[in-house]
Amino acid sequence: MILAFDGSSIDGSAYGYVTDLARDSPAWLDDLVAFWSTYGLGLFAVLMVVAWWRARRESPGAALVALAVPVVVVVAYGVDLGVKLLVREDRPCQSLRVATLEACPAHGDWSFPSNHAAIAAAAAVALFLVARRVGTVAVVAAGVMAASRVWVGAHYPHDVAAGLLVGTLVAMTMVAALRRLPDVSGHPLTASRLGVLLLAPRLAKSG
């Protein structure tokens, strides 16, 4: 049997308070939170498209960074997964043996840090650095995603906090690196068929 870390001593009481609150809440609220917890990451994909659409009207450089947001998310997920494999923290539902809204994962599906929180934070921070308005919506959504993972019983609060930190650091580092790349405004690619990805077509003015 693989030895695992028991994180209940860190904030198990806070986790228990939240899961007790979830059990005592109306069914419609639990269903709403559970739905968001499972499918809410899809909203970030929509926001990525919106941010890219707006960024290509600003400059090819901004559009390039917007196009890289999915890559930022994949890297954040990989870093988060690496930390999971190093720490190997059991899920709280296994350590505390409490009833949760989400089915308790099998042993070996580690809890720390939260993948959902890392993905949401990476997307939100990268989007915020690309397009403030879209990014603000994403930041709020990331916070709600992190809270929902505790509500459904999948993670301790420290799991989602660490996931948010991982996603934030990866996004800030990668976006800063992308912005140091040479200006692509005059690159031949912008005049090619692929240029539509980096620059919005300009409508000819009628005389």
N, C-alpha and C. Protein backbone atom coordinates (compact mmCIF):
# COMPACT_ATOMS: atom_id res chain seq x y z
N MET A 1 0.84 -1.20 0.00
CA MET A 1 0.00 0.00 0.00
C MET A 1 0.88 1.26 0.00
N ILE A 2 0.54 2.23 -0.83
CA ILE A 2 1.30 3.46 -0.93
C ILE A 2 1.03 4.33 0.30
N LEU A 3 2.11 4.75 0.98
CA LEU A 3 1.94 5.63 2.13
C LEU A 3 1.47 7.00 1.66
N ALA A 4 0.51 7.56 2.37
CA ALA A 4 -0.07 8.84 1.98
C ALA A 4 -0.10 9.79 3.17
N PHE A 5 -0.10 11.07 2.85
CA PHE A 5 -0.15 12.13 3.86
C PHE A 5 -1.59 12.40 4.25
N ASP A 6 -1.84 12.53 5.55
CA ASP A 6 -3.17 12.85 6.06
C ASP A 6 -3.21 14.35 6.37
N GLY A 7 -3.93 15.09 5.54
CA GLY A 7 -3.98 16.54 5.71
C GLY A 7 -5.05 17.04 6.65
N SER A 8 -5.76 16.13 7.31
CA SER A 8 -6.87 16.55 8.17
C SER A 8 -6.42 17.38 9.36
N SER A 9 -5.15 17.23 9.77
CA SER A 9 -4.67 17.99 10.92
C SER A 9 -4.48 19.47 10.59
N ILE A 10 -4.42 19.81 9.31
CA ILE A 10 -4.20 21.20 8.92
C ILE A 10 -5.48 22.01 9.03
N ASP A 11 -6.51 21.59 8.34
CA ASP A 11 -7.79 22.32 8.41
C ASP A 11 -8.98 21.38 8.25
N GLY A 12 -8.85 20.21 8.86
CA GLY A 12 -9.94 19.23 8.82
C GLY A 12 -11.21 19.76 9.45
N SER A 13 -11.08 20.59 10.48
CA SER A 13 -12.27 21.13 11.15
C SER A 13 -13.01 22.09 10.23
N ALA A 14 -12.25 22.90 9.49
CA ALA A 14 -12.87 23.84 8.54
C ALA A 14 -13.55 23.06 7.42
N TYR A 15 -12.90 22.01 6.97
CA TYR A 15 -13.49 21.16 5.94
C TYR A 15 -14.81 20.55 6.45
N GLY A 16 -14.78 20.05 7.69
CA GLY A 16 -15.98 19.45 8.26
C GLY A 16 -17.11 20.46 8.40
N TYR A 17 -16.76 21.70 8.74
CA TYR A 17 -17.78 22.74 8.86
C TYR A 17 -18.46 22.98 7.52
N VAL A 18 -17.66 23.04 6.45
CA VAL A 18 -18.22 23.31 5.12
C VAL A 18 -19.07 22.14 4.65
N THR A 19 -18.60 20.92 4.81
CA THR A 19 -19.37 19.76 4.36
C THR A 19 -20.65 19.58 5.18
N ASP A 20 -20.60 19.93 6.47
CA ASP A 20 -21.82 19.89 7.29
C ASP A 20 -22.82 20.93 6.77
N LEU A 21 -22.30 22.09 6.42
CA LEU A 21 -23.15 23.15 5.87
C LEU A 21 -23.79 22.71 4.56
N ALA A 22 -23.00 22.01 3.76
CA ALA A 22 -23.52 21.52 2.48
C ALA A 22 -24.64 20.49 2.70
N ARG A 23 -24.45 19.62 3.66
CA ARG A 23 -25.48 18.60 3.93
C ARG A 23 -26.76 19.22 4.45
N ASP A 24 -26.66 20.36 5.15
CA ASP A 24 -27.83 21.00 5.73
C ASP A 24 -28.47 22.02 4.78
N SER A 25 -27.87 22.24 3.62
CA SER A 25 -28.37 23.23 2.67
C SER A 25 -29.46 22.65 1.78
N PRO A 26 -30.26 23.51 1.15
CA PRO A 26 -31.31 23.03 0.25
C PRO A 26 -30.72 22.21 -0.90
N ALA A 27 -31.48 21.24 -1.37
CA ALA A 27 -31.00 20.36 -2.43
C ALA A 27 -30.67 21.13 -3.70
N TRP A 28 -31.47 22.18 -4.00
CA TRP A 28 -31.22 22.94 -5.23
C TRP A 28 -29.87 23.64 -5.21
N LEU A 29 -29.47 24.10 -4.01
CA LEU A 29 -28.18 24.78 -3.88
C LEU A 29 -27.04 23.77 -4.06
N ASP A 30 -27.17 22.62 -3.40
CA ASP A 30 -26.15 21.59 -3.55
C ASP A 30 -26.03 21.14 -5.00
N ASP A 31 -27.16 20.99 -5.68
CA ASP A 31 -27.14 20.58 -7.09
C ASP A 31 -26.45 21.63 -7.95
N LEU A 32 -26.71 22.89 -7.65
CA LEU A 32 -26.10 23.99 -8.42
C LEU A 32 -24.59 24.01 -8.22
N VAL A 33 -24.17 23.88 -6.96
CA VAL A 33 -22.73 23.90 -6.67
C VAL A 33 -22.05 22.68 -7.28
N ALA A 34 -22.70 21.52 -7.17
CA ALA A 34 -22.12 20.29 -7.73
C ALA A 34 -22.00 20.39 -9.25
N PHE A 35 -23.00 20.99 -9.89
CA PHE A 35 -22.94 21.16 -11.35
C PHE A 35 -21.78 22.07 -11.73
N TRP A 36 -21.65 23.18 -11.02
CA TRP A 36 -20.55 24.11 -11.30
C TRP A 36 -19.20 23.44 -11.05
N SER A 37 -19.09 22.70 -9.96
CA SER A 37 -17.85 22.03 -9.61
C SER A 37 -17.41 21.05 -10.70
N THR A 38 -18.39 20.41 -11.34
CA THR A 38 -18.09 19.41 -12.36
C THR A 38 -17.87 20.02 -13.74
N TYR A 39 -18.72 20.97 -14.11
CA TYR A 39 -18.71 21.47 -15.48
C TYR A 39 -18.26 22.94 -15.62
N GLY A 40 -18.00 23.60 -14.52
CA GLY A 40 -17.70 25.03 -14.56
C GLY A 40 -16.44 25.40 -15.32
N LEU A 41 -15.49 24.46 -15.45
CA LEU A 41 -14.26 24.78 -16.18
C LEU A 41 -14.55 25.11 -17.64
N GLY A 42 -15.69 24.65 -18.14
CA GLY A 42 -16.04 24.97 -19.52
C GLY A 42 -16.21 26.46 -19.75
N LEU A 43 -16.61 27.20 -18.71
CA LEU A 43 -16.77 28.64 -18.85
C LEU A 43 -15.44 29.31 -19.22
N PHE A 44 -14.35 28.79 -18.66
CA PHE A 44 -13.05 29.39 -18.93
C PHE A 44 -12.66 29.23 -20.40
N ALA A 45 -13.07 28.13 -21.02
CA ALA A 45 -12.80 27.95 -22.44
C ALA A 45 -13.53 29.01 -23.26
N VAL A 46 -14.77 29.31 -22.87
CA VAL A 46 -15.55 30.34 -23.55
C VAL A 46 -14.89 31.70 -23.37
N LEU A 47 -14.43 31.99 -22.16
CA LEU A 47 -13.78 33.27 -21.88
C LEU A 47 -12.47 33.41 -22.64
N MET A 48 -11.77 32.29 -22.87
CA MET A 48 -10.54 32.33 -23.66
C MET A 48 -10.83 32.79 -25.09
N VAL A 49 -11.92 32.29 -25.66
CA VAL A 49 -12.29 32.68 -27.02
C VAL A 49 -12.65 34.16 -27.06
N VAL A 50 -13.41 34.61 -26.06
CA VAL A 50 -13.80 36.02 -26.01
C VAL A 50 -12.57 36.91 -25.87
N ALA A 51 -11.63 36.52 -25.00
CA ALA A 51 -10.42 37.31 -24.80
C ALA A 51 -9.58 37.37 -26.07
N TRP A 52 -9.46 36.24 -26.77
CA TRP A 52 -8.70 36.24 -28.03
C TRP A 52 -9.37 37.14 -29.06
N TRP A 53 -10.69 37.06 -29.15
CA TRP A 53 -11.43 37.87 -30.13
C TRP A 53 -11.19 39.36 -29.91
N ARG A 54 -11.15 39.75 -28.64
CA ARG A 54 -10.91 41.16 -28.33
C ARG A 54 -9.44 41.53 -28.51
N ALA A 55 -8.54 40.63 -28.14
CA ALA A 55 -7.11 40.92 -28.19
C ALA A 55 -6.62 41.11 -29.62
N ARG A 56 -7.16 40.39 -30.57
CA ARG A 56 -6.68 40.52 -31.94
C ARG A 56 -7.09 41.86 -32.57
N ARG A 57 -8.05 42.53 -31.94
CA ARG A 57 -8.39 43.89 -32.39
C ARG A 57 -7.44 44.92 -31.78
N GLU A 58 -6.71 44.49 -30.76
CA GLU A 58 -5.76 45.39 -30.10
C GLU A 58 -4.41 45.37 -30.79
N SER A 59 -3.80 44.18 -30.89
CA SER A 59 -2.50 44.04 -31.54
C SER A 59 -2.18 42.56 -31.73
N PRO A 60 -1.31 42.24 -32.72
CA PRO A 60 -0.91 40.84 -32.90
C PRO A 60 -0.24 40.25 -31.66
N GLY A 61 0.52 41.09 -30.95
CA GLY A 61 1.18 40.61 -29.74
C GLY A 61 0.19 40.19 -28.67
N ALA A 62 -0.84 41.00 -28.47
CA ALA A 62 -1.87 40.68 -27.48
C ALA A 62 -2.62 39.42 -27.89
N ALA A 63 -2.89 39.29 -29.20
CA ALA A 63 -3.59 38.10 -29.69
C ALA A 63 -2.75 36.85 -29.49
N LEU A 64 -1.43 36.98 -29.67
CA LEU A 64 -0.54 35.84 -29.47
C LEU A 64 -0.58 35.36 -28.02
N VAL A 65 -0.57 36.30 -27.08
CA VAL A 65 -0.65 35.93 -25.67
C VAL A 65 -1.99 35.28 -25.37
N ALA A 66 -3.07 35.82 -25.95
CA ALA A 66 -4.40 35.25 -25.74
C ALA A 66 -4.47 33.82 -26.28
N LEU A 67 -3.85 33.59 -27.43
CA LEU A 67 -3.84 32.24 -28.00
C LEU A 67 -3.05 31.26 -27.14
N ALA A 68 -2.12 31.79 -26.35
CA ALA A 68 -1.27 30.94 -25.51
C ALA A 68 -1.92 30.57 -24.18
N VAL A 69 -3.06 31.17 -23.85
CA VAL A 69 -3.70 30.90 -22.56
C VAL A 69 -3.99 29.41 -22.36
N PRO A 70 -4.50 28.69 -23.37
CA PRO A 70 -4.70 27.24 -23.17
C PRO A 70 -3.40 26.51 -22.84
N VAL A 71 -2.29 26.96 -23.43
CA VAL A 71 -1.00 26.34 -23.14
C VAL A 71 -0.61 26.61 -21.69
N VAL A 72 -0.87 27.82 -21.23
CA VAL A 72 -0.60 28.17 -19.83
C VAL A 72 -1.38 27.24 -18.90
N VAL A 73 -2.62 26.98 -19.24
CA VAL A 73 -3.46 26.10 -18.42
C VAL A 73 -2.91 24.68 -18.38
N VAL A 74 -2.47 24.18 -19.54
CA VAL A 74 -1.92 22.82 -19.60
C VAL A 74 -0.64 22.72 -18.76
N VAL A 75 0.21 23.73 -18.83
CA VAL A 75 1.44 23.72 -18.03
C VAL A 75 1.10 23.77 -16.54
N ALA A 76 0.15 24.60 -16.17
CA ALA A 76 -0.26 24.69 -14.76
C ALA A 76 -0.79 23.35 -14.27
N TYR A 77 -1.56 22.68 -15.11
CA TYR A 77 -2.08 21.36 -14.75
C TYR A 77 -0.92 20.38 -14.54
N GLY A 78 0.07 20.43 -15.43
CA GLY A 78 1.21 19.54 -15.30
C GLY A 78 2.01 19.78 -14.03
N VAL A 79 2.23 21.05 -13.69
CA VAL A 79 2.94 21.39 -12.46
C VAL A 79 2.15 20.91 -11.25
N ASP A 80 0.84 21.17 -11.27
CA ASP A 80 -0.02 20.77 -10.17
C ASP A 80 0.01 19.26 -9.98
N LEU A 81 -0.04 18.54 -11.10
CA LEU A 81 -0.02 17.08 -11.03
C LEU A 81 1.30 16.58 -10.46
N GLY A 82 2.40 17.26 -10.83
CA GLY A 82 3.70 16.88 -10.29
C GLY A 82 3.76 17.04 -8.78
N VAL A 83 3.20 18.14 -8.27
CA VAL A 83 3.16 18.36 -6.83
C VAL A 83 2.30 17.29 -6.16
N LYS A 84 1.18 16.93 -6.78
CA LYS A 84 0.32 15.88 -6.24
C LYS A 84 1.10 14.58 -6.02
N LEU A 85 1.88 14.20 -7.03
CA LEU A 85 2.62 12.95 -6.97
C LEU A 85 3.72 12.99 -5.93
N LEU A 86 4.23 14.20 -5.62
CA LEU A 86 5.26 14.34 -4.60
C LEU A 86 4.67 14.28 -3.19
N VAL A 87 3.56 14.99 -2.98
CA VAL A 87 2.97 15.10 -1.64
C VAL A 87 2.15 13.86 -1.29
N ARG A 88 1.34 13.41 -2.22
CA ARG A 88 0.50 12.21 -2.04
C ARG A 88 -0.39 12.33 -0.79
N GLU A 89 -1.25 13.31 -0.82
CA GLU A 89 -2.18 13.52 0.29
C GLU A 89 -3.50 12.81 0.00
N ASP A 90 -3.96 12.01 0.95
CA ASP A 90 -5.25 11.33 0.79
C ASP A 90 -6.39 12.34 0.72
N ARG A 91 -7.44 11.98 0.02
CA ARG A 91 -8.63 12.82 -0.03
C ARG A 91 -9.23 12.94 1.37
N PRO A 92 -9.82 14.09 1.68
CA PRO A 92 -10.40 14.26 3.02
C PRO A 92 -11.52 13.27 3.31
N CYS A 93 -12.27 12.89 2.28
CA CYS A 93 -13.35 11.93 2.51
C CYS A 93 -12.82 10.56 2.91
N GLN A 94 -11.54 10.29 2.59
CA GLN A 94 -10.93 9.02 3.00
C GLN A 94 -10.38 9.11 4.41
N SER A 95 -9.75 10.23 4.72
CA SER A 95 -9.14 10.39 6.04
C SER A 95 -10.19 10.59 7.13
N LEU A 96 -11.22 11.37 6.82
CA LEU A 96 -12.23 11.72 7.82
C LEU A 96 -13.48 10.84 7.73
N ARG A 97 -13.61 10.14 6.61
CA ARG A 97 -14.74 9.22 6.40
C ARG A 97 -16.08 9.91 6.65
N VAL A 98 -16.29 10.99 5.91
CA VAL A 98 -17.56 11.73 6.01
C VAL A 98 -18.32 11.58 4.70
N ALA A 99 -19.64 11.75 4.78
CA ALA A 99 -20.48 11.70 3.59
C ALA A 99 -20.32 13.02 2.84
N THR A 100 -20.10 12.94 1.53
CA THR A 100 -19.88 14.14 0.72
C THR A 100 -20.81 14.13 -0.49
N LEU A 101 -20.99 15.32 -1.08
CA LEU A 101 -21.85 15.44 -2.25
C LEU A 101 -21.24 14.73 -3.45
N GLU A 102 -19.93 14.82 -3.59
CA GLU A 102 -19.24 14.15 -4.69
C GLU A 102 -18.72 12.81 -4.20
N ALA A 103 -18.84 11.79 -5.04
CA ALA A 103 -18.38 10.46 -4.66
C ALA A 103 -16.90 10.49 -4.29
N CYS A 104 -16.54 9.78 -3.25
CA CYS A 104 -15.17 9.78 -2.75
C CYS A 104 -14.26 9.02 -3.73
N PRO A 105 -13.20 9.67 -4.23
CA PRO A 105 -12.29 8.99 -5.16
C PRO A 105 -11.55 7.84 -4.49
N ALA A 106 -11.01 6.94 -5.30
CA ALA A 106 -10.26 5.80 -4.78
C ALA A 106 -8.91 6.26 -4.23
N HIS A 107 -8.33 5.45 -3.38
CA HIS A 107 -7.01 5.74 -2.84
C HIS A 107 -6.01 5.83 -3.99
N GLY A 108 -5.19 6.86 -3.97
CA GLY A 108 -4.24 7.08 -5.06
C GLY A 108 -4.63 8.25 -5.94
N ASP A 109 -5.88 8.70 -5.81
CA ASP A 109 -6.32 9.92 -6.49
C ASP A 109 -6.07 11.05 -5.49
N TRP A 110 -4.86 11.58 -5.52
CA TRP A 110 -4.39 12.48 -4.47
C TRP A 110 -5.12 13.81 -4.45
N SER A 111 -5.09 14.45 -3.29
CA SER A 111 -5.91 15.63 -3.05
C SER A 111 -5.17 16.96 -3.17
N PHE A 112 -3.90 16.99 -2.80
CA PHE A 112 -3.15 18.26 -2.73
C PHE A 112 -2.15 18.37 -3.87
N PRO A 113 -2.19 19.50 -4.60
CA PRO A 113 -3.16 20.59 -4.60
C PRO A 113 -4.35 20.25 -5.51
N SER A 114 -5.35 21.09 -5.51
CA SER A 114 -6.53 20.85 -6.33
C SER A 114 -6.26 21.16 -7.80
N ASN A 115 -6.51 20.18 -8.68
CA ASN A 115 -6.34 20.41 -10.11
C ASN A 115 -7.33 21.46 -10.62
N HIS A 116 -8.58 21.35 -10.17
CA HIS A 116 -9.61 22.30 -10.61
C HIS A 116 -9.21 23.73 -10.27
N ALA A 117 -8.71 23.91 -9.05
CA ALA A 117 -8.33 25.26 -8.61
C ALA A 117 -7.14 25.77 -9.40
N ALA A 118 -6.17 24.91 -9.67
CA ALA A 118 -4.99 25.31 -10.42
C ALA A 118 -5.35 25.70 -11.85
N ILE A 119 -6.18 24.89 -12.49
CA ILE A 119 -6.60 25.18 -13.87
C ILE A 119 -7.38 26.49 -13.92
N ALA A 120 -8.33 26.65 -13.00
CA ALA A 120 -9.15 27.86 -12.97
C ALA A 120 -8.30 29.09 -12.72
N ALA A 121 -7.36 29.01 -11.78
CA ALA A 121 -6.51 30.16 -11.46
C ALA A 121 -5.60 30.51 -12.62
N ALA A 122 -5.01 29.50 -13.26
CA ALA A 122 -4.12 29.76 -14.39
C ALA A 122 -4.88 30.46 -15.51
N ALA A 123 -6.07 29.96 -15.81
CA ALA A 123 -6.88 30.58 -16.86
C ALA A 123 -7.27 32.00 -16.46
N ALA A 124 -7.71 32.17 -15.22
CA ALA A 124 -8.20 33.48 -14.77
C ALA A 124 -7.10 34.53 -14.77
N VAL A 125 -5.94 34.20 -14.23
CA VAL A 125 -4.85 35.17 -14.14
C VAL A 125 -4.34 35.51 -15.54
N ALA A 126 -4.17 34.49 -16.39
CA ALA A 126 -3.71 34.75 -17.75
C ALA A 126 -4.71 35.62 -18.50
N LEU A 127 -5.99 35.32 -18.35
CA LEU A 127 -7.02 36.12 -19.01
C LEU A 127 -7.05 37.55 -18.47
N PHE A 128 -6.85 37.70 -17.18
CA PHE A 128 -6.84 39.04 -16.58
C PHE A 128 -5.70 39.87 -17.14
N LEU A 129 -4.57 39.23 -17.38
CA LEU A 129 -3.41 39.93 -17.92
C LEU A 129 -3.56 40.24 -19.41
N VAL A 130 -4.51 39.55 -20.06
CA VAL A 130 -4.77 39.79 -21.48
C VAL A 130 -5.89 40.79 -21.68
N ALA A 131 -6.99 40.58 -20.96
CA ALA A 131 -8.17 41.44 -21.10
C ALA A 131 -8.80 41.60 -19.73
N ARG A 132 -8.72 42.79 -19.16
CA ARG A 132 -9.11 43.02 -17.76
C ARG A 132 -10.57 42.66 -17.50
N ARG A 133 -11.49 43.08 -18.37
CA ARG A 133 -12.91 42.83 -18.11
C ARG A 133 -13.23 41.34 -18.13
N VAL A 134 -12.75 40.67 -19.17
CA VAL A 134 -12.96 39.22 -19.26
C VAL A 134 -12.25 38.53 -18.10
N GLY A 135 -11.05 38.99 -17.79
CA GLY A 135 -10.28 38.40 -16.72
C GLY A 135 -10.92 38.56 -15.36
N THR A 136 -11.60 39.68 -15.14
CA THR A 136 -12.29 39.89 -13.86
C THR A 136 -13.38 38.86 -13.65
N VAL A 137 -14.13 38.58 -14.71
CA VAL A 137 -15.15 37.54 -14.64
C VAL A 137 -14.50 36.19 -14.33
N ALA A 138 -13.37 35.93 -14.99
CA ALA A 138 -12.67 34.66 -14.79
C ALA A 138 -12.12 34.53 -13.37
N VAL A 139 -11.63 35.62 -12.81
CA VAL A 139 -11.10 35.58 -11.44
C VAL A 139 -12.20 35.24 -10.44
N VAL A 140 -13.36 35.86 -10.60
CA VAL A 140 -14.49 35.55 -9.73
C VAL A 140 -14.89 34.08 -9.89
N ALA A 141 -14.94 33.63 -11.15
CA ALA A 141 -15.32 32.24 -11.42
C ALA A 141 -14.31 31.26 -10.81
N ALA A 142 -13.03 31.62 -10.83
CA ALA A 142 -12.00 30.76 -10.25
C ALA A 142 -12.18 30.64 -8.74
N GLY A 143 -12.51 31.75 -8.10
CA GLY A 143 -12.76 31.72 -6.66
C GLY A 143 -13.94 30.84 -6.31
N VAL A 144 -15.00 30.95 -7.10
CA VAL A 144 -16.19 30.13 -6.87
C VAL A 144 -15.88 28.65 -7.13
N MET A 145 -15.06 28.38 -8.16
CA MET A 145 -14.67 27.00 -8.45
C MET A 145 -13.91 26.39 -7.27
N ALA A 146 -12.95 27.16 -6.73
CA ALA A 146 -12.17 26.66 -5.61
C ALA A 146 -13.07 26.36 -4.40
N ALA A 147 -13.98 27.28 -4.11
CA ALA A 147 -14.89 27.07 -2.97
C ALA A 147 -15.80 25.87 -3.21
N SER A 148 -16.22 25.68 -4.45
CA SER A 148 -17.14 24.57 -4.74
C SER A 148 -16.48 23.22 -4.52
N ARG A 149 -15.16 23.13 -4.72
CA ARG A 149 -14.47 21.86 -4.55
C ARG A 149 -14.44 21.44 -3.08
N VAL A 150 -14.44 22.43 -2.18
CA VAL A 150 -14.54 22.12 -0.75
C VAL A 150 -15.99 21.77 -0.40
N TRP A 151 -16.92 22.52 -0.97
CA TRP A 151 -18.35 22.32 -0.69
C TRP A 151 -18.79 20.89 -1.04
N VAL A 152 -18.34 20.38 -2.18
CA VAL A 152 -18.75 19.03 -2.58
C VAL A 152 -17.95 17.95 -1.87
N GLY A 153 -16.94 18.36 -1.08
CA GLY A 153 -16.19 17.40 -0.28
C GLY A 153 -14.96 16.82 -0.94
N ALA A 154 -14.57 17.35 -2.10
CA ALA A 154 -13.44 16.78 -2.83
C ALA A 154 -12.08 17.20 -2.27
N HIS A 155 -12.03 18.37 -1.61
CA HIS A 155 -10.74 18.91 -1.16
C HIS A 155 -10.85 19.63 0.17
N TYR A 156 -9.71 19.67 0.88
CA TYR A 156 -9.57 20.54 2.03
C TYR A 156 -9.41 21.98 1.54
N PRO A 157 -9.66 22.97 2.40
CA PRO A 157 -9.39 24.36 2.00
C PRO A 157 -7.95 24.60 1.59
N HIS A 158 -6.98 23.95 2.28
CA HIS A 158 -5.58 24.18 1.91
C HIS A 158 -5.25 23.59 0.54
N ASP A 159 -5.99 22.59 0.11
CA ASP A 159 -5.78 22.02 -1.23
C ASP A 159 -6.11 23.03 -2.31
N VAL A 160 -7.26 23.68 -2.15
CA VAL A 160 -7.67 24.64 -3.19
C VAL A 160 -6.83 25.91 -3.13
N ALA A 161 -6.41 26.30 -1.91
CA ALA A 161 -5.54 27.47 -1.79
C ALA A 161 -4.22 27.23 -2.50
N ALA A 162 -3.66 26.03 -2.33
CA ALA A 162 -2.41 25.69 -3.00
C ALA A 162 -2.60 25.61 -4.51
N GLY A 163 -3.74 25.08 -4.94
CA GLY A 163 -4.03 25.01 -6.36
C GLY A 163 -4.12 26.38 -6.99
N LEU A 164 -4.78 27.29 -6.29
CA LEU A 164 -4.87 28.68 -6.78
C LEU A 164 -3.49 29.31 -6.88
N LEU A 165 -2.63 29.02 -5.91
CA LEU A 165 -1.28 29.58 -5.92
C LEU A 165 -0.46 29.02 -7.08
N VAL A 166 -0.55 27.72 -7.31
CA VAL A 166 0.18 27.10 -8.42
C VAL A 166 -0.26 27.70 -9.75
N GLY A 167 -1.57 27.78 -9.96
CA GLY A 167 -2.08 28.33 -11.20
C GLY A 167 -1.68 29.78 -11.41
N THR A 168 -1.72 30.56 -10.34
CA THR A 168 -1.37 31.98 -10.42
C THR A 168 0.10 32.16 -10.77
N LEU A 169 0.99 31.42 -10.11
CA LEU A 169 2.42 31.57 -10.35
C LEU A 169 2.80 31.14 -11.77
N VAL A 170 2.22 30.04 -12.23
CA VAL A 170 2.51 29.57 -13.58
C VAL A 170 2.03 30.59 -14.61
N ALA A 171 0.82 31.09 -14.43
CA ALA A 171 0.26 32.06 -15.39
C ALA A 171 1.08 33.35 -15.42
N MET A 172 1.42 33.88 -14.27
CA MET A 172 2.19 35.13 -14.23
C MET A 172 3.56 34.96 -14.87
N THR A 173 4.21 33.82 -14.60
CA THR A 173 5.54 33.56 -15.15
C THR A 173 5.48 33.42 -16.67
N MET A 174 4.52 32.65 -17.17
CA MET A 174 4.45 32.39 -18.60
C MET A 174 4.01 33.61 -19.39
N VAL A 175 3.05 34.35 -18.87
CA VAL A 175 2.59 35.55 -19.59
C VAL A 175 3.71 36.59 -19.63
N ALA A 176 4.46 36.73 -18.53
CA ALA A 176 5.59 37.67 -18.51
C ALA A 176 6.62 37.27 -19.56
N ALA A 177 6.88 35.96 -19.69
CA ALA A 177 7.84 35.49 -20.69
C ALA A 177 7.33 35.74 -22.10
N LEU A 178 6.05 35.52 -22.33
CA LEU A 178 5.48 35.73 -23.66
C LEU A 178 5.55 37.20 -24.06
N ARG A 179 5.38 38.07 -23.10
CA ARG A 179 5.41 39.50 -23.41
C ARG A 179 6.81 40.02 -23.70
N ARG A 180 7.82 39.22 -23.38
CA ARG A 180 9.18 39.61 -23.70
C ARG A 180 9.61 39.15 -25.09
N LEU A 181 8.72 38.42 -25.79
CA LEU A 181 9.03 37.98 -27.14
C LEU A 181 9.06 39.18 -28.08
N PRO A 182 9.79 39.08 -29.19
CA PRO A 182 9.84 40.18 -30.16
C PRO A 182 8.45 40.53 -30.69
N ASP A 183 8.26 41.79 -31.03
CA ASP A 183 6.98 42.26 -31.58
C ASP A 183 6.70 41.56 -32.91
N VAL A 184 5.49 41.00 -33.03
CA VAL A 184 5.15 40.26 -34.25
C VAL A 184 4.27 41.09 -35.19
N SER A 185 4.14 42.37 -34.91
CA SER A 185 3.25 43.21 -35.72
C SER A 185 3.63 43.20 -37.19
N GLY A 186 4.92 43.23 -37.48
CA GLY A 186 5.34 43.27 -38.87
C GLY A 186 5.74 41.92 -39.43
N HIS A 187 5.45 40.85 -38.70
CA HIS A 187 5.83 39.51 -39.13
C HIS A 187 5.01 39.10 -40.35
N PRO A 188 5.62 38.42 -41.32
CA PRO A 188 4.89 37.97 -42.52
C PRO A 188 3.64 37.14 -42.19
N LEU A 189 3.66 36.47 -41.03
CA LEU A 189 2.52 35.65 -40.65
C LEU A 189 1.24 36.46 -40.56
N THR A 190 1.36 37.72 -40.15
CA THR A 190 0.15 38.54 -40.00
C THR A 190 -0.49 38.85 -41.34
N ALA A 191 0.27 38.72 -42.42
CA ALA A 191 -0.27 38.97 -43.76
C ALA A 191 -0.74 37.69 -44.44
N SER A 192 -0.50 36.54 -43.79
CA SER A 192 -0.90 35.27 -44.36
C SER A 192 -2.32 34.93 -43.95
N ARG A 193 -2.78 33.77 -44.40
CA ARG A 193 -4.13 33.34 -44.03
C ARG A 193 -4.27 33.12 -42.53
N LEU A 194 -3.15 32.75 -41.90
CA LEU A 194 -3.18 32.55 -40.45
C LEU A 194 -3.18 33.87 -39.70
N GLY A 195 -2.98 34.96 -40.43
CA GLY A 195 -2.94 36.27 -39.79
C GLY A 195 -4.24 36.64 -39.12
N VAL A 196 -5.36 36.01 -39.53
CA VAL A 196 -6.64 36.31 -38.91
C VAL A 196 -6.64 35.92 -37.43
N LEU A 197 -5.75 35.01 -37.05
CA LEU A 197 -5.65 34.62 -35.64
C LEU A 197 -4.99 35.70 -34.80
N LEU A 198 -4.18 36.54 -35.45
CA LEU A 198 -3.43 37.56 -34.73
C LEU A 198 -3.93 38.98 -34.95
N LEU A 199 -4.71 39.17 -36.00
CA LEU A 199 -5.14 40.53 -36.31
C LEU A 199 -6.52 40.48 -36.94
N ALA A 200 -7.44 41.27 -36.40
CA ALA A 200 -8.79 41.31 -36.95
C ALA A 200 -8.78 41.99 -38.31
N PRO A 201 -9.49 41.45 -39.30
CA PRO A 201 -9.56 42.09 -40.62
C PRO A 201 -10.13 43.49 -40.50
N ARG A 202 -9.57 44.42 -41.23
CA ARG A 202 -10.04 45.80 -41.21
C ARG A 202 -10.95 46.02 -42.41
N LEU A 203 -12.13 46.54 -42.14
CA LEU A 203 -13.10 46.79 -43.21
C LEU A 203 -12.69 48.01 -44.02
N ALA A 204 -12.74 47.87 -45.32
CA ALA A 204 -12.39 49.00 -46.20
C ALA A 204 -13.44 50.09 -46.09
N LYS A 205 -13.00 51.33 -46.03
CA LYS A 205 -13.93 52.45 -45.92
C LYS A 205 -14.48 52.79 -47.29
N SER A 206 -15.78 52.95 -47.38
CA SER A 206 -16.39 53.31 -48.65
C SER A 206 -16.32 54.82 -48.85
N GLY A 207 -16.07 55.23 -50.11
CA GLY A 207 -15.98 56.66 -50.34
C GLY A 207 -17.33 57.20 -50.36
